[in-house]
Amino acid sequence: MHKARLEDINKLFLEYRRLFEAGDAEQIADFYRFPIHYYFSNGKKSQLSREYFIGRVKKLLALYQKLGVTQIVGAVTDVIELNENTSLATLNWVLLDDSGEKPQQIYSAITRYMVCEVDGTSKIDGLIGVNETSQIKQALKK
């Protein structure tokens, strides 16, 4: 793994996380190359347009608000270099409510991202759901 690519991926997801905390679906979409391929945790696959993706992100952000998410922590846990321009990055996302005396974890989930070099910039080309859907459902039951 090239150190520069690992640094680019970490930087990409640091900014990506910040925009999720800010709740900006349009700017979140700017991190993607459309159409993207989304692999659902149930094994289904879809090709998503920018407009559809923004709608899905808005729904996710509304769920975060309902759950009381005030902080998101994301850690790149693994990067596999697939070829010269493409990597598979695994992230562990921890969603927190930090409005109290001590931050409380609402849930954590793993997501994988296909990250590609496009015109000198890293873009997310594919999204692979691992367990966020089940984690959200459990958190909503609480």
Protein backbone atom coordinates (compact mmCIF):
# COMPACT_ATOMS: atom_id res chain seq x y z
CA MET A 1 0.00 0.00 0.00
CA HIS A 2 1.36 3.36 -0.96
CA LYS A 3 1.61 5.61 2.08
CA ALA A 4 0.32 8.58 0.07
CA ARG A 5 -2.83 6.66 -0.94
CA LEU A 6 -3.51 5.65 2.66
CA GLU A 7 -3.12 9.28 3.73
CA ASP A 8 -5.50 10.38 0.93
CA ILE A 9 -8.10 7.83 2.00
CA ASN A 10 -7.88 8.88 5.66
CA LYS A 11 -8.18 12.54 4.67
CA LEU A 12 -11.16 11.77 2.39
CA PHE A 13 -13.10 10.05 5.16
CA LEU A 14 -12.23 12.67 7.76
CA GLU A 15 -13.87 15.34 5.60
CA TYR A 16 -16.71 12.94 4.65
CA ARG A 17 -17.47 12.38 8.34
CA ARG A 18 -17.42 16.11 9.03
CA LEU A 19 -20.06 16.71 6.34
CA PHE A 20 -22.25 13.95 7.76
CA GLU A 21 -22.08 15.69 11.15
CA ALA A 22 -22.99 18.97 9.41
CA GLY A 23 -25.91 17.24 7.67
CA ASP A 24 -25.08 18.37 4.13
CA ALA A 25 -26.36 15.72 1.70
CA GLU A 26 -25.38 17.68 -1.42
CA GLN A 27 -21.75 18.03 -0.35
CA ILE A 28 -21.65 14.41 0.82
CA ALA A 29 -22.63 13.42 -2.73
CA ASP A 30 -19.62 15.35 -4.05
CA PHE A 31 -17.38 12.59 -2.63
CA TYR A 32 -18.89 10.08 -5.07
CA ARG A 33 -18.46 9.29 -8.75
CA PHE A 34 -21.92 8.71 -10.21
CA PRO A 35 -23.56 6.49 -10.95
CA ILE A 36 -22.34 4.52 -7.94
CA HIS A 37 -22.87 0.87 -7.22
CA TYR A 38 -24.45 0.11 -3.86
CA TYR A 39 -24.22 -3.40 -2.48
CA PHE A 40 -26.87 -3.91 0.20
CA SER A 41 -26.28 -6.09 3.23
CA ASN A 42 -29.08 -8.40 1.98
CA GLY A 43 -27.05 -9.19 -1.17
CA LYS A 44 -28.93 -6.93 -3.59
CA LYS A 45 -27.09 -4.46 -5.80
CA SER A 46 -28.23 -1.14 -7.24
CA GLN A 47 -26.79 1.54 -9.44
CA LEU A 48 -27.64 4.92 -7.89
CA SER A 49 -27.89 8.30 -9.56
CA ARG A 50 -26.74 11.42 -7.73
CA GLU A 51 -30.32 12.61 -7.15
CA TYR A 52 -31.47 9.28 -5.73
CA PHE A 53 -28.36 9.04 -3.56
CA ILE A 54 -28.95 12.52 -2.11
CA GLY A 55 -32.50 11.48 -1.20
CA ARG A 56 -31.19 8.37 0.58
CA VAL A 57 -28.60 10.44 2.48
CA LYS A 58 -31.32 12.87 3.58
CA LYS A 59 -33.35 9.94 4.94
CA LEU A 60 -30.28 8.62 6.75
CA LEU A 61 -29.58 12.06 8.24
CA ALA A 62 -33.22 12.24 9.41
CA LEU A 63 -32.76 8.87 11.13
CA TYR A 64 -29.60 10.15 12.80
CA GLN A 65 -31.55 13.12 14.10
CA LYS A 66 -34.34 10.85 15.38
CA LEU A 67 -31.76 8.67 17.14
CA GLY A 68 -30.07 11.72 18.69
CA VAL A 69 -26.75 11.40 16.85
CA THR A 70 -24.63 14.47 17.59
CA GLN A 71 -21.17 13.11 16.80
CA ILE A 72 -19.78 10.58 14.35
CA VAL A 73 -16.41 8.92 14.73
CA GLY A 74 -15.02 7.03 11.76
CA ALA A 75 -11.91 4.90 11.69
CA VAL A 76 -10.37 3.33 8.62
CA THR A 77 -9.74 -0.21 9.81
CA ASP A 78 -8.45 -1.77 6.59
CA VAL A 79 -7.42 -0.75 3.08
CA ILE A 80 -6.81 -3.24 0.32
CA GLU A 81 -5.12 -1.90 -2.78
CA LEU A 82 -6.94 -3.54 -5.68
CA ASN A 83 -4.92 -1.94 -8.44
CA GLU A 84 -2.94 1.19 -9.20
CA ASN A 85 -6.02 3.44 -8.97
CA THR A 86 -8.52 1.54 -6.81
CA SER A 87 -8.69 0.58 -3.14
CA LEU A 88 -11.26 -1.07 -0.92
CA ALA A 89 -11.50 0.79 2.39
CA THR A 90 -13.27 -0.60 5.45
CA LEU A 91 -14.53 1.88 8.01
CA ASN A 92 -15.97 1.42 11.45
CA TRP A 93 -18.45 4.19 12.15
CA VAL A 94 -19.43 4.97 15.75
CA LEU A 95 -22.46 7.20 16.18
CA LEU A 96 -22.66 9.05 19.47
CA ASP A 97 -24.92 11.30 21.48
CA ASP A 98 -22.51 13.68 23.18
CA SER A 99 -25.16 16.05 24.56
CA GLY A 100 -24.87 14.63 28.07
CA GLU A 101 -22.10 14.59 30.60
CA LYS A 102 -20.50 11.59 28.94
CA PRO A 103 -20.85 10.60 25.24
CA GLN A 104 -23.18 7.63 24.72
CA GLN A 105 -22.78 5.23 21.81
CA ILE A 106 -26.00 4.90 19.82
CA TYR A 107 -24.60 2.24 17.51
CA SER A 108 -21.54 1.29 15.49
CA ALA A 109 -21.47 -0.13 12.00
CA ILE A 110 -19.03 -1.27 9.34
CA THR A 111 -19.18 -0.01 5.77
CA ARG A 112 -16.84 -0.69 2.87
CA TYR A 113 -16.07 1.78 0.12
CA MET A 114 -14.51 1.37 -3.31
CA VAL A 115 -12.23 4.41 -3.60
CA CYS A 116 -10.86 5.36 -7.02
CA GLU A 117 -8.44 7.96 -8.27
CA VAL A 118 -10.40 10.15 -10.73
CA ASP A 119 -8.64 13.08 -12.41
CA GLY A 120 -6.15 13.34 -9.54
CA THR A 121 -8.83 13.20 -6.83
CA SER A 122 -10.03 10.31 -4.68
CA LYS A 123 -13.73 9.55 -5.22
CA ILE A 124 -16.01 6.88 -3.80
CA ASP A 125 -17.16 4.66 -6.66
CA GLY A 126 -18.94 1.93 -4.75
CA LEU A 127 -20.56 1.47 -1.36
CA ILE A 128 -20.89 -1.91 0.35
CA GLY A 129 -23.30 -2.14 3.27
CA VAL A 130 -22.15 -4.58 5.91
CA ASN A 131 -24.29 -4.16 9.00
CA GLU A 132 -25.56 -0.58 9.31
CA THR A 133 -29.17 -1.45 8.43
CA SER A 134 -29.39 -4.00 11.24
CA GLN A 135 -27.62 -1.64 13.66
CA ILE A 136 -30.07 1.18 12.88
CA LYS A 137 -33.05 -1.15 13.36
CA GLN A 138 -31.69 -2.23 16.76
CA ALA A 139 -31.05 1.37 17.80
CA LEU A 140 -34.59 2.40 16.81
CA LYS A 141 -36.03 -0.35 19.03
CA LYS A 142 -34.29 1.08 22.10
